[in-house]
Amino acid sequence: MEDNHLEKSMRILSDLVAHCHWLGAEEFQMYMTHDEEENISSVTVSCPMPHPGDEVLGELRRKLQSHRQREVEQNYWELSGESEMSGELSLVGMMIDDAKVGYKEGVLYIHVWRKD
């Protein structure tokens, strides 16, 4: 098991919150969990905000659901937080195994997880 799953989850959380703020959110609910048995970390961010539009939601899903690239993942950890906002979520997408994005009743939901 990786010793730094908490650090990686916190960096992912930071990038997700920063992106939501960039979209206009000002309040956030955040959750991080790590299942020791399954060795899976998950991060969830929800934030009330006006509907960002279907195009924005689609782009958010596309960036987060890019394929994880374990062979070059260390390089992405070093780049995380140093790139332009539009590219950060693509980097997050390369560091996670899956993501779900939703918008319901004025709240944007983003849930991502990775097997460490």
PDB file of N, CA and C in Angstrom:
ATOM      1  N   MET A   1       0.841  -1.183   0.000  1.00  0.00           N
ATOM      2  CA  MET A   1       0.000   0.000   0.000  1.00  0.00           C
ATOM      3  C   MET A   1       0.883   1.241   0.000  1.00  0.00           C
ATOM      4  N   GLU A   2       0.466   2.248  -0.721  1.00  0.00           N
ATOM      5  CA  GLU A   2       1.197   3.499  -0.756  1.00  0.00           C
ATOM      6  C   GLU A   2       1.022   4.233   0.560  1.00  0.00           C
ATOM      7  N   ASP A   3       2.091   4.807   1.052  1.00  0.00           N
ATOM      8  CA  ASP A   3       2.034   5.557   2.292  1.00  0.00           C
ATOM      9  C   ASP A   3       1.410   6.929   2.106  1.00  0.00           C
ATOM     10  N   ASN A   4       1.390   7.448   0.898  1.00  0.00           N
ATOM     11  CA  ASN A   4       0.985   8.822   0.681  1.00  0.00           C
ATOM     12  C   ASN A   4      -0.398   8.964   0.053  1.00  0.00           C
ATOM     13  N   HIS A   5      -1.292   8.012   0.304  1.00  0.00           N
ATOM     14  CA  HIS A   5      -2.628   8.135  -0.286  1.00  0.00           C
ATOM     15  C   HIS A   5      -3.364   9.372   0.226  1.00  0.00           C
ATOM     16  N   LEU A   6      -3.133   9.761   1.489  1.00  0.00           N
ATOM     17  CA  LEU A   6      -3.776  10.949   2.031  1.00  0.00           C
ATOM     18  C   LEU A   6      -3.287  12.208   1.320  1.00  0.00           C
ATOM     19  N   GLU A   7      -1.987  12.306   1.110  1.00  0.00           N
ATOM     20  CA  GLU A   7      -1.426  13.466   0.408  1.00  0.00           C
ATOM     21  C   GLU A   7      -1.984  13.573  -1.010  1.00  0.00           C
ATOM     22  N   LYS A   8      -2.055  12.451  -1.706  1.00  0.00           N
ATOM     23  CA  LYS A   8      -2.583  12.469  -3.075  1.00  0.00           C
ATOM     24  C   LYS A   8      -4.054  12.852  -3.087  1.00  0.00           C
ATOM     25  N   SER A   9      -4.829  12.325  -2.146  1.00  0.00           N
ATOM     26  CA  SER A   9      -6.246  12.688  -2.054  1.00  0.00           C
ATOM     27  C   SER A   9      -6.411  14.176  -1.770  1.00  0.00           C
ATOM     28  N   MET A  10      -5.560  14.723  -0.928  1.00  0.00           N
ATOM     29  CA  MET A  10      -5.649  16.144  -0.599  1.00  0.00           C
ATOM     30  C   MET A  10      -5.309  17.017  -1.808  1.00  0.00           C
ATOM     31  N   ARG A  11      -4.370  16.586  -2.620  1.00  0.00           N
ATOM     32  CA  ARG A  11      -4.028  17.347  -3.835  1.00  0.00           C
ATOM     33  C   ARG A  11      -5.174  17.289  -4.834  1.00  0.00           C
ATOM     34  N   ILE A  12      -5.792  16.122  -4.963  1.00  0.00           N
ATOM     35  CA  ILE A  12      -6.950  15.993  -5.852  1.00  0.00           C
ATOM     36  C   ILE A  12      -8.078  16.880  -5.344  1.00  0.00           C
ATOM     37  N   LEU A  13      -8.342  16.820  -4.047  1.00  0.00           N
ATOM     38  CA  LEU A  13      -9.383  17.649  -3.436  1.00  0.00           C
ATOM     39  C   LEU A  13      -9.116  19.125  -3.708  1.00  0.00           C
ATOM     40  N   SER A  14      -7.901  19.555  -3.518  1.00  0.00           N
ATOM     41  CA  SER A  14      -7.537  20.947  -3.755  1.00  0.00           C
ATOM     42  C   SER A  14      -7.814  21.368  -5.201  1.00  0.00           C
ATOM     43  N   ASP A  15      -7.441  20.516  -6.160  1.00  0.00           N
ATOM     44  CA  ASP A  15      -7.682  20.833  -7.569  1.00  0.00           C
ATOM     45  C   ASP A  15      -9.172  20.893  -7.880  1.00  0.00           C
ATOM     46  N   LEU A  16      -9.961  19.976  -7.301  1.00  0.00           N
ATOM     47  CA  LEU A  16     -11.406  19.986  -7.543  1.00  0.00           C
ATOM     48  C   LEU A  16     -12.056  21.242  -6.959  1.00  0.00           C
ATOM     49  N   VAL A  17     -11.682  21.594  -5.736  1.00  0.00           N
ATOM     50  CA  VAL A  17     -12.240  22.798  -5.106  1.00  0.00           C
ATOM     51  C   VAL A  17     -11.842  24.041  -5.897  1.00  0.00           C
ATOM     52  N   ALA A  18     -10.586  24.128  -6.313  1.00  0.00           N
ATOM     53  CA  ALA A  18     -10.134  25.277  -7.099  1.00  0.00           C
ATOM     54  C   ALA A  18     -10.933  25.398  -8.391  1.00  0.00           C
ATOM     55  N   HIS A  19     -11.189  24.281  -9.043  1.00  0.00           N
ATOM     56  CA  HIS A  19     -11.948  24.327 -10.293  1.00  0.00           C
ATOM     57  C   HIS A  19     -13.400  24.751 -10.033  1.00  0.00           C
ATOM     58  N   CYS A  20     -13.998  24.223  -8.984  1.00  0.00           N
ATOM     59  CA  CYS A  20     -15.371  24.623  -8.655  1.00  0.00           C
ATOM     60  C   CYS A  20     -15.438  26.119  -8.333  1.00  0.00           C
ATOM     61  N   HIS A  21     -14.441  26.619  -7.637  1.00  0.00           N
ATOM     62  CA  HIS A  21     -14.394  28.052  -7.339  1.00  0.00           C
ATOM     63  C   HIS A  21     -14.269  28.858  -8.628  1.00  0.00           C
ATOM     64  N   TRP A  22     -13.441  28.376  -9.532  1.00  0.00           N
ATOM     65  CA  TRP A  22     -13.276  29.018 -10.847  1.00  0.00           C
ATOM     66  C   TRP A  22     -14.608  29.050 -11.603  1.00  0.00           C
ATOM     67  N   LEU A  23     -15.438  28.023 -11.396  1.00  0.00           N
ATOM     68  CA  LEU A  23     -16.769  27.977 -12.032  1.00  0.00           C
ATOM     69  C   LEU A  23     -17.775  28.901 -11.339  1.00  0.00           C
ATOM     70  N   GLY A  24     -17.439  29.424 -10.157  1.00  0.00           N
ATOM     71  CA  GLY A  24     -18.319  30.354  -9.474  1.00  0.00           C
ATOM     72  C   GLY A  24     -18.816  29.916  -8.111  1.00  0.00           C
ATOM     73  N   ALA A  25     -18.435  28.745  -7.663  1.00  0.00           N
ATOM     74  CA  ALA A  25     -18.877  28.273  -6.350  1.00  0.00           C
ATOM     75  C   ALA A  25     -18.143  29.028  -5.242  1.00  0.00           C
ATOM     76  N   GLU A  26     -18.849  29.265  -4.153  1.00  0.00           N
ATOM     77  CA  GLU A  26     -18.244  29.951  -3.012  1.00  0.00           C
ATOM     78  C   GLU A  26     -18.372  29.151  -1.720  1.00  0.00           C
ATOM     79  N   GLU A  27     -19.207  28.112  -1.717  1.00  0.00           N
ATOM     80  CA  GLU A  27     -19.365  27.240  -0.561  1.00  0.00           C
ATOM     81  C   GLU A  27     -19.117  25.808  -1.017  1.00  0.00           C
ATOM     82  N   PHE A  28     -18.496  25.022  -0.136  1.00  0.00           N
ATOM     83  CA  PHE A  28     -18.112  23.670  -0.515  1.00  0.00           C
ATOM     84  C   PHE A  28     -18.362  22.692   0.622  1.00  0.00           C
ATOM     85  N   GLN A  29     -18.757  21.489   0.270  1.00  0.00           N
ATOM     86  CA  GLN A  29     -18.748  20.363   1.198  1.00  0.00           C
ATOM     87  C   GLN A  29     -17.775  19.363   0.597  1.00  0.00           C
ATOM     88  N   MET A  30     -16.864  18.871   1.444  1.00  0.00           N
ATOM     89  CA  MET A  30     -15.807  18.002   0.950  1.00  0.00           C
ATOM     90  C   MET A  30     -15.719  16.754   1.816  1.00  0.00           C
ATOM     91  N   TYR A  31     -15.471  15.626   1.168  1.00  0.00           N
ATOM     92  CA  TYR A  31     -15.315  14.352   1.872  1.00  0.00           C
ATOM     93  C   TYR A  31     -14.149  13.598   1.258  1.00  0.00           C
ATOM     94  N   MET A  32     -13.322  13.023   2.115  1.00  0.00           N
ATOM     95  CA  MET A  32     -12.250  12.141   1.669  1.00  0.00           C
ATOM     96  C   MET A  32     -12.341  10.870   2.481  1.00  0.00           C
ATOM     97  N   THR A  33     -12.213   9.740   1.814  1.00  0.00           N
ATOM     98  CA  THR A  33     -12.212   8.469   2.520  1.00  0.00           C
ATOM     99  C   THR A  33     -11.114   7.577   1.939  1.00  0.00           C
ATOM    100  N   HIS A  34     -10.698   6.611   2.757  1.00  0.00           N
ATOM    101  CA  HIS A  34      -9.759   5.597   2.277  1.00  0.00           C
ATOM    102  C   HIS A  34     -10.177   4.266   2.872  1.00  0.00           C
ATOM    103  N   ASP A  35     -10.505   3.320   2.019  1.00  0.00           N
ATOM    104  CA  ASP A  35     -10.873   1.968   2.430  1.00  0.00           C
ATOM    105  C   ASP A  35      -9.591   1.142   2.497  1.00  0.00           C
ATOM    106  N   GLU A  36      -9.160   0.834   3.709  1.00  0.00           N
ATOM    107  CA  GLU A  36      -7.912   0.089   3.907  1.00  0.00           C
ATOM    108  C   GLU A  36      -7.971  -1.309   3.297  1.00  0.00           C
ATOM    109  N   GLU A  37      -9.119  -1.971   3.404  1.00  0.00           N
ATOM    110  CA  GLU A  37      -9.251  -3.326   2.860  1.00  0.00           C
ATOM    111  C   GLU A  37      -9.122  -3.350   1.346  1.00  0.00           C
ATOM    112  N   GLU A  38      -9.852  -2.468   0.699  1.00  0.00           N
ATOM    113  CA  GLU A  38      -9.849  -2.417  -0.770  1.00  0.00           C
ATOM    114  C   GLU A  38      -8.725  -1.544  -1.309  1.00  0.00           C
ATOM    115  N   ASN A  39      -8.113  -0.740  -0.420  1.00  0.00           N
ATOM    116  CA  ASN A  39      -7.058   0.192  -0.798  1.00  0.00           C
ATOM    117  C   ASN A  39      -7.542   1.188  -1.864  1.00  0.00           C
ATOM    118  N   ILE A  40      -8.725   1.720  -1.628  1.00  0.00           N
ATOM    119  CA  ILE A  40      -9.333   2.689  -2.544  1.00  0.00           C
ATOM    120  C   ILE A  40      -9.564   3.998  -1.802  1.00  0.00           C
ATOM    121  N   SER A  41      -9.094   5.083  -2.400  1.00  0.00           N
ATOM    122  CA  SER A  41      -9.328   6.417  -1.857  1.00  0.00           C
ATOM    123  C   SER A  41     -10.407   7.089  -2.694  1.00  0.00           C
ATOM    124  N   SER A  42     -11.263   7.861  -2.028  1.00  0.00           N
ATOM    125  CA  SER A  42     -12.276   8.613  -2.776  1.00  0.00           C
ATOM    126  C   SER A  42     -12.341  10.032  -2.251  1.00  0.00           C
ATOM    127  N   VAL A  43     -12.702  10.926  -3.144  1.00  0.00           N
ATOM    128  CA  VAL A  43     -12.841  12.338  -2.834  1.00  0.00           C
ATOM    129  C   VAL A  43     -14.160  12.804  -3.439  1.00  0.00           C
ATOM    130  N   THR A  44     -14.941  13.522  -2.636  1.00  0.00           N
ATOM    131  CA  THR A  44     -16.205  14.071  -3.108  1.00  0.00           C
ATOM    132  C   THR A  44     -16.257  15.551  -2.766  1.00  0.00           C
ATOM    133  N   VAL A  45     -16.673  16.343  -3.731  1.00  0.00           N
ATOM    134  CA  VAL A  45     -16.888  17.773  -3.531  1.00  0.00           C
ATOM    135  C   VAL A  45     -18.296  18.078  -4.013  1.00  0.00           C
ATOM    136  N   SER A  46     -19.045  18.804  -3.203  1.00  0.00           N
ATOM    137  CA  SER A  46     -20.345  19.307  -3.643  1.00  0.00           C
ATOM    138  C   SER A  46     -20.399  20.786  -3.310  1.00  0.00           C
ATOM    139  N   CYS A  47     -21.042  21.542  -4.191  1.00  0.00           N
ATOM    140  CA  CYS A  47     -21.100  22.983  -3.977  1.00  0.00           C
ATOM    141  C   CYS A  47     -22.355  23.555  -4.629  1.00  0.00           C
ATOM    142  N   PRO A  48     -23.092  24.369  -3.860  1.00  0.00           N
ATOM    143  CA  PRO A  48     -24.240  25.044  -4.459  1.00  0.00           C
ATOM    144  C   PRO A  48     -23.750  26.110  -5.434  1.00  0.00           C
ATOM    145  N   MET A  49     -24.390  26.174  -6.582  1.00  0.00           N
ATOM    146  CA  MET A  49     -24.023  27.167  -7.586  1.00  0.00           C
ATOM    147  C   MET A  49     -25.076  27.190  -8.686  1.00  0.00           C
ATOM    148  N   PRO A  50     -25.157  28.290  -9.428  1.00  0.00           N
ATOM    149  CA  PRO A  50     -26.048  28.304 -10.589  1.00  0.00           C
ATOM    150  C   PRO A  50     -25.616  27.226 -11.579  1.00  0.00           C
ATOM    151  N   HIS A  51     -26.557  26.717 -12.340  1.00  0.00           N
ATOM    152  CA  HIS A  51     -26.251  25.662 -13.316  1.00  0.00           C
ATOM    153  C   HIS A  51     -25.136  26.135 -14.245  1.00  0.00           C
ATOM    154  N   PRO A  52     -24.037  25.383 -14.317  1.00  0.00           N
ATOM    155  CA  PRO A  52     -22.918  25.812 -15.151  1.00  0.00           C
ATOM    156  C   PRO A  52     -23.144  25.586 -16.648  1.00  0.00           C
ATOM    157  N   GLY A  53     -24.182  24.877 -17.003  1.00  0.00           N
ATOM    158  CA  GLY A  53     -24.472  24.588 -18.406  1.00  0.00           C
ATOM    159  C   GLY A  53     -24.043  23.185 -18.787  1.00  0.00           C
ATOM    160  N   ASP A  54     -24.786  22.597 -19.702  1.00  0.00           N
ATOM    161  CA  ASP A  54     -24.501  21.223 -20.121  1.00  0.00           C
ATOM    162  C   ASP A  54     -23.128  21.082 -20.769  1.00  0.00           C
ATOM    163  N   GLU A  55     -22.701  22.109 -21.494  1.00  0.00           N
ATOM    164  CA  GLU A  55     -21.395  22.049 -22.152  1.00  0.00           C
ATOM    165  C   GLU A  55     -20.266  22.011 -21.109  1.00  0.00           C
ATOM    166  N   VAL A  56     -20.383  22.821 -20.079  1.00  0.00           N
ATOM    167  CA  VAL A  56     -19.376  22.847 -19.016  1.00  0.00           C
ATOM    168  C   VAL A  56     -19.366  21.521 -18.262  1.00  0.00           C
ATOM    169  N   LEU A  57     -20.554  20.987 -17.948  1.00  0.00           N
ATOM    170  CA  LEU A  57     -20.632  19.697 -17.257  1.00  0.00           C
ATOM    171  C   LEU A  57     -20.030  18.584 -18.109  1.00  0.00           C
ATOM    172  N   GLY A  58     -20.303  18.609 -19.397  1.00  0.00           N
ATOM    173  CA  GLY A  58     -19.743  17.609 -20.309  1.00  0.00           C
ATOM    174  C   GLY A  58     -18.230  17.682 -20.375  1.00  0.00           C
ATOM    175  N   GLU A  59     -17.700  18.892 -20.424  1.00  0.00           N
ATOM    176  CA  GLU A  59     -16.247  19.076 -20.452  1.00  0.00           C
ATOM    177  C   GLU A  59     -15.619  18.608 -19.142  1.00  0.00           C
ATOM    178  N   LEU A  60     -16.275  18.899 -18.024  1.00  0.00           N
ATOM    179  CA  LEU A  60     -15.803  18.449 -16.718  1.00  0.00           C
ATOM    180  C   LEU A  60     -15.745  16.922 -16.669  1.00  0.00           C
ATOM    181  N   ARG A  61     -16.802  16.265 -17.132  1.00  0.00           N
ATOM    182  CA  ARG A  61     -16.816  14.791 -17.171  1.00  0.00           C
ATOM    183  C   ARG A  61     -15.709  14.249 -18.068  1.00  0.00           C
ATOM    184  N   ARG A  62     -15.560  14.859 -19.234  1.00  0.00           N
ATOM    185  CA  ARG A  62     -14.562  14.388 -20.194  1.00  0.00           C
ATOM    186  C   ARG A  62     -13.156  14.475 -19.599  1.00  0.00           C
ATOM    187  N   LYS A  63     -12.842  15.587 -18.957  1.00  0.00           N
ATOM    188  CA  LYS A  63     -11.506  15.750 -18.386  1.00  0.00           C
ATOM    189  C   LYS A  63     -11.255  14.771 -17.239  1.00  0.00           C
ATOM    190  N   LEU A  64     -12.253  14.579 -16.402  1.00  0.00           N
ATOM    191  CA  LEU A  64     -12.063  13.698 -15.245  1.00  0.00           C
ATOM    192  C   LEU A  64     -12.101  12.224 -15.614  1.00  0.00           C
ATOM    193  N   GLN A  65     -12.723  11.881 -16.712  1.00  0.00           N
ATOM    194  CA  GLN A  65     -12.840  10.480 -17.083  1.00  0.00           C
ATOM    195  C   GLN A  65     -11.808  10.071 -18.134  1.00  0.00           C
ATOM    196  N   SER A  66     -10.730  10.853 -18.241  1.00  0.00           N
ATOM    197  CA  SER A  66      -9.638  10.426 -19.114  1.00  0.00           C
ATOM    198  C   SER A  66      -8.996   9.199 -18.469  1.00  0.00           C
ATOM    199  N   HIS A  67      -8.242   8.465 -19.216  1.00  0.00           N
ATOM    200  CA  HIS A  67      -7.678   7.217 -18.709  1.00  0.00           C
ATOM    201  C   HIS A  67      -6.518   7.483 -17.758  1.00  0.00           C
ATOM    202  N   ARG A  68      -6.507   6.739 -16.667  1.00  0.00           N
ATOM    203  CA  ARG A  68      -5.399   6.828 -15.711  1.00  0.00           C
ATOM    204  C   ARG A  68      -4.139   6.322 -16.390  1.00  0.00           C
ATOM    205  N   GLN A  69      -3.050   7.002 -16.131  1.00  0.00           N
ATOM    206  CA  GLN A  69      -1.778   6.646 -16.754  1.00  0.00           C
ATOM    207  C   GLN A  69      -0.734   6.424 -15.667  1.00  0.00           C
ATOM    208  N   ARG A  70      -0.763   5.226 -15.098  1.00  0.00           N
ATOM    209  CA  ARG A  70       0.135   4.896 -13.987  1.00  0.00           C
ATOM    210  C   ARG A  70       1.609   5.032 -14.353  1.00  0.00           C
ATOM    211  N   GLU A  71       1.969   4.709 -15.597  1.00  0.00           N
ATOM    212  CA  GLU A  71       3.379   4.685 -15.972  1.00  0.00           C
ATOM    213  C   GLU A  71       4.029   6.072 -15.942  1.00  0.00           C
ATOM    214  N   VAL A  72       3.236   7.120 -16.050  1.00  0.00           N
ATOM    215  CA  VAL A  72       3.798   8.478 -16.003  1.00  0.00           C
ATOM    216  C   VAL A  72       3.143   9.312 -14.900  1.00  0.00           C
ATOM    217  N   GLU A  73       2.483   8.624 -13.980  1.00  0.00           N
ATOM    218  CA  GLU A  73       1.717   9.308 -12.936  1.00  0.00           C
ATOM    219  C   GLU A  73       2.570  10.215 -12.061  1.00  0.00           C
ATOM    220  N   GLN A  74       3.780   9.811 -11.725  1.00  0.00           N
ATOM    221  CA  GLN A  74       4.624  10.638 -10.859  1.00  0.00           C
ATOM    222  C   GLN A  74       4.852  12.016 -11.468  1.00  0.00           C
ATOM    223  N   ASN A  75       5.030  12.066 -12.787  1.00  0.00           N
ATOM    224  CA  ASN A  75       5.189  13.360 -13.453  1.00  0.00           C
ATOM    225  C   ASN A  75       3.946  14.222 -13.282  1.00  0.00           C
ATOM    226  N   TYR A  76       2.765  13.612 -13.320  1.00  0.00           N
ATOM    227  CA  TYR A  76       1.528  14.377 -13.156  1.00  0.00           C
ATOM    228  C   TYR A  76       1.392  14.918 -11.743  1.00  0.00           C
ATOM    229  N   TRP A  77       1.846  14.146 -10.731  1.00  0.00           N
ATOM    230  CA  TRP A  77       1.789  14.646  -9.352  1.00  0.00           C
ATOM    231  C   TRP A  77       2.645  15.887  -9.214  1.00  0.00           C
ATOM    232  N   GLU A  78       3.783  15.908  -9.893  1.00  0.00           N
ATOM    233  CA  GLU A  78       4.654  17.073  -9.821  1.00  0.00           C
ATOM    234  C   GLU A  78       4.042  18.269 -10.534  1.00  0.00           C
ATOM    235  N   LEU A  79       3.273  18.034 -11.598  1.00  0.00           N
ATOM    236  CA  LEU A  79       2.648  19.119 -12.340  1.00  0.00           C
ATOM    237  C   LEU A  79       1.371  19.626 -11.684  1.00  0.00           C
ATOM    238  N   SER A  80       0.710  18.792 -10.919  1.00  0.00           N
ATOM    239  CA  SER A  80      -0.556  19.168 -10.301  1.00  0.00           C
ATOM    240  C   SER A  80      -0.392  20.436  -9.481  1.00  0.00           C
ATOM    241  N   GLY A  81      -1.288  21.384  -9.718  1.00  0.00           N
ATOM    242  CA  GLY A  81      -1.258  22.644  -8.986  1.00  0.00           C
ATOM    243  C   GLY A  81      -0.373  23.692  -9.631  1.00  0.00           C
ATOM    244  N   GLU A  82       0.385  23.317 -10.663  1.00  0.00           N
ATOM    245  CA  GLU A  82       1.279  24.276 -11.305  1.00  0.00           C
ATOM    246  C   GLU A  82       0.815  24.648 -12.709  1.00  0.00           C
ATOM    247  N   SER A  83      -0.247  24.032 -13.199  1.00  0.00           N
ATOM    248  CA  SER A  83      -0.685  24.267 -14.559  1.00  0.00           C
ATOM    249  C   SER A  83      -1.834  25.265 -14.596  1.00  0.00           C
ATOM    250  N   GLU A  84      -2.212  25.645 -15.789  1.00  0.00           N
ATOM    251  CA  GLU A  84      -3.364  26.524 -15.958  1.00  0.00           C
ATOM    252  C   GLU A  84      -4.621  25.788 -15.514  1.00  0.00           C
ATOM    253  N   MET A  85      -5.627  26.531 -15.045  1.00  0.00           N
ATOM    254  CA  MET A  85      -6.851  25.925 -14.514  1.00  0.00           C
ATOM    255  C   MET A  85      -7.512  24.981 -15.519  1.00  0.00           C
ATOM    256  N   SER A  86      -7.531  25.325 -16.784  1.00  0.00           N
ATOM    257  CA  SER A  86      -8.222  24.486 -17.764  1.00  0.00           C
ATOM    258  C   SER A  86      -7.568  23.119 -17.911  1.00  0.00           C
ATOM    259  N   GLY A  87      -6.283  23.014 -17.603  1.00  0.00           N
ATOM    260  CA  GLY A  87      -5.597  21.743 -17.760  1.00  0.00           C
ATOM    261  C   GLY A  87      -5.541  20.905 -16.507  1.00  0.00           C
ATOM    262  N   GLU A  88      -5.760  21.504 -15.347  1.00  0.00           N
ATOM    263  CA  GLU A  88      -5.604  20.777 -14.097  1.00  0.00           C
ATOM    264  C   GLU A  88      -6.508  19.565 -14.003  1.00  0.00           C
ATOM    265  N   LEU A  89      -7.743  19.688 -14.434  1.00  0.00           N
ATOM    266  CA  LEU A  89      -8.645  18.548 -14.302  1.00  0.00           C
ATOM    267  C   LEU A  89      -8.261  17.416 -15.228  1.00  0.00           C
ATOM    268  N   SER A  90      -7.643  17.721 -16.340  1.00  0.00           N
ATOM    269  CA  SER A  90      -7.123  16.650 -17.186  1.00  0.00           C
ATOM    270  C   SER A  90      -6.035  15.890 -16.444  1.00  0.00           C
ATOM    271  N   LEU A  91      -5.200  16.619 -15.689  1.00  0.00           N
ATOM    272  CA  LEU A  91      -4.174  15.956 -14.887  1.00  0.00           C
ATOM    273  C   LEU A  91      -4.812  15.107 -13.802  1.00  0.00           C
ATOM    274  N   VAL A  92      -5.830  15.638 -13.133  1.00  0.00           N
ATOM    275  CA  VAL A  92      -6.540  14.861 -12.113  1.00  0.00           C
ATOM    276  C   VAL A  92      -7.110  13.597 -12.752  1.00  0.00           C
ATOM    277  N   GLY A  93      -7.695  13.730 -13.934  1.00  0.00           N
ATOM    278  CA  GLY A  93      -8.260  12.578 -14.632  1.00  0.00           C
ATOM    279  C   GLY A  93      -7.245  11.491 -14.910  1.00  0.00           C
ATOM    280  N   MET A  94      -5.989  11.879 -15.089  1.00  0.00           N
ATOM    281  CA  MET A  94      -4.926  10.905 -15.345  1.00  0.00           C
ATOM    282  C   MET A  94      -4.415  10.264 -14.061  1.00  0.00           C
ATOM    283  N   MET A  95      -4.846  10.784 -12.904  1.00  0.00           N
ATOM    284  CA  MET A  95      -4.388  10.263 -11.621  1.00  0.00           C
ATOM    285  C   MET A  95      -5.462   9.455 -10.896  1.00  0.00           C
ATOM    286  N   ILE A  96      -6.674   9.397 -11.461  1.00  0.00           N
ATOM    287  CA  ILE A  96      -7.772   8.685 -10.809  1.00  0.00           C
ATOM    288  C   ILE A  96      -8.250   7.550 -11.692  1.00  0.00           C
ATOM    289  N   ASP A  97      -9.017   6.639 -11.092  1.00  0.00           N
ATOM    290  CA  ASP A  97      -9.551   5.514 -11.851  1.00  0.00           C
ATOM    291  C   ASP A  97     -10.923   5.803 -12.446  1.00  0.00           C
ATOM    292  N   ASP A  98     -11.727   6.628 -11.770  1.00  0.00           N
ATOM    293  CA  ASP A  98     -13.061   6.932 -12.299  1.00  0.00           C
ATOM    294  C   ASP A  98     -13.609   8.179 -11.624  1.00  0.00           C
ATOM    295  N   ALA A  99     -14.631   8.754 -12.244  1.00  0.00           N
ATOM    296  CA  ALA A  99     -15.254   9.966 -11.711  1.00  0.00           C
ATOM    297  C   ALA A  99     -16.721   9.995 -12.091  1.00  0.00           C
ATOM    298  N   LYS A 100     -17.502  10.624 -11.234  1.00  0.00           N
ATOM    299  CA  LYS A 100     -18.904  10.894 -11.531  1.00  0.00           C
ATOM    300  C   LYS A 100     -19.145  12.372 -11.276  1.00  0.00           C
ATOM    301  N   VAL A 101     -19.836  13.008 -12.203  1.00  0.00           N
ATOM    302  CA  VAL A 101     -20.171  14.421 -12.096  1.00  0.00           C
ATOM    303  C   VAL A 101     -21.678  14.547 -12.252  1.00  0.00           C
ATOM    304  N   GLY A 102     -22.295  15.315 -11.387  1.00  0.00           N
ATOM    305  CA  GLY A 102     -23.741  15.523 -11.487  1.00  0.00           C
ATOM    306  C   GLY A 102     -24.129  16.914 -11.032  1.00  0.00           C
ATOM    307  N   TYR A 103     -25.314  17.316 -11.438  1.00  0.00           N
ATOM    308  CA  TYR A 103     -25.860  18.603 -11.002  1.00  0.00           C
ATOM    309  C   TYR A 103     -27.333  18.374 -10.709  1.00  0.00           C
ATOM    310  N   LYS A 104     -27.740  18.672  -9.472  1.00  0.00           N
ATOM    311  CA  LYS A 104     -29.125  18.436  -9.083  1.00  0.00           C
ATOM    312  C   LYS A 104     -29.550  19.489  -8.076  1.00  0.00           C
ATOM    313  N   GLU A 105     -30.677  20.084  -8.321  1.00  0.00           N
ATOM    314  CA  GLU A 105     -31.295  21.046  -7.407  1.00  0.00           C
ATOM    315  C   GLU A 105     -30.316  22.122  -6.947  1.00  0.00           C
ATOM    316  N   GLY A 106     -29.567  22.677  -7.897  1.00  0.00           N
ATOM    317  CA  GLY A 106     -28.681  23.787  -7.593  1.00  0.00           C
ATOM    318  C   GLY A 106     -27.344  23.416  -6.976  1.00  0.00           C
ATOM    319  N   VAL A 107     -26.992  22.122  -7.002  1.00  0.00           N
ATOM    320  CA  VAL A 107     -25.727  21.687  -6.396  1.00  0.00           C
ATOM    321  C   VAL A 107     -24.935  20.853  -7.413  1.00  0.00           C
ATOM    322  N   LEU A 108     -23.665  21.217  -7.577  1.00  0.00           N
ATOM    323  CA  LEU A 108     -22.742  20.463  -8.413  1.00  0.00           C
ATOM    324  C   LEU A 108     -22.065  19.408  -7.540  1.00  0.00           C
ATOM    325  N   TYR A 109     -22.040  18.173  -8.002  1.00  0.00           N
ATOM    326  CA  TYR A 109     -21.422  17.054  -7.283  1.00  0.00           C
ATOM    327  C   TYR A 109     -20.293  16.478  -8.135  1.00  0.00           C
ATOM    328  N   ILE A 110     -19.159  16.261  -7.518  1.00  0.00           N
ATOM    329  CA  ILE A 110     -18.030  15.588  -8.190  1.00  0.00           C
ATOM    330  C   ILE A 110     -17.504  14.530  -7.234  1.00  0.00           C
ATOM    331  N   HIS A 111     -17.465  13.288  -7.709  1.00  0.00           N
ATOM    332  CA  HIS A 111     -16.946  12.177  -6.904  1.00  0.00           C
ATOM    333  C   HIS A 111     -15.892  11.448  -7.732  1.00  0.00           C
ATOM    334  N   VAL A 112     -14.698  11.334  -7.178  1.00  0.00           N
ATOM    335  CA  VAL A 112     -13.619  10.632  -7.874  1.00  0.00           C
ATOM    336  C   VAL A 112     -13.020   9.586  -6.939  1.00  0.00           C
ATOM    337  N   TRP A 113     -12.454   8.544  -7.522  1.00  0.00           N
ATOM    338  CA  TRP A 113     -11.782   7.534  -6.704  1.00  0.00           C
ATOM    339  C   TRP A 113     -10.625   6.927  -7.471  1.00  0.00           C
ATOM    340  N   ARG A 114      -9.695   6.394  -6.669  1.00  0.00           N
ATOM    341  CA  ARG A 114      -8.489   5.769  -7.217  1.00  0.00           C
ATOM    342  C   ARG A 114      -8.088   4.601  -6.334  1.00  0.00           C
ATOM    343  N   LYS A 115      -7.605   3.571  -6.975  1.00  0.00           N
ATOM    344  CA  LYS A 115      -7.054   2.431  -6.244  1.00  0.00           C
ATOM    345  C   LYS A 115      -5.569   2.701  -6.067  1.00  0.00           C
ATOM    346  N   ASP A 116      -5.156   2.770  -4.821  1.00  0.00           N
ATOM    347  CA  ASP A 116      -3.762   3.101  -4.524  1.00  0.00           C
ATOM    348  C   ASP A 116      -2.840   1.914  -4.701  1.00  0.00           C
TER     349      ASP A 116
END
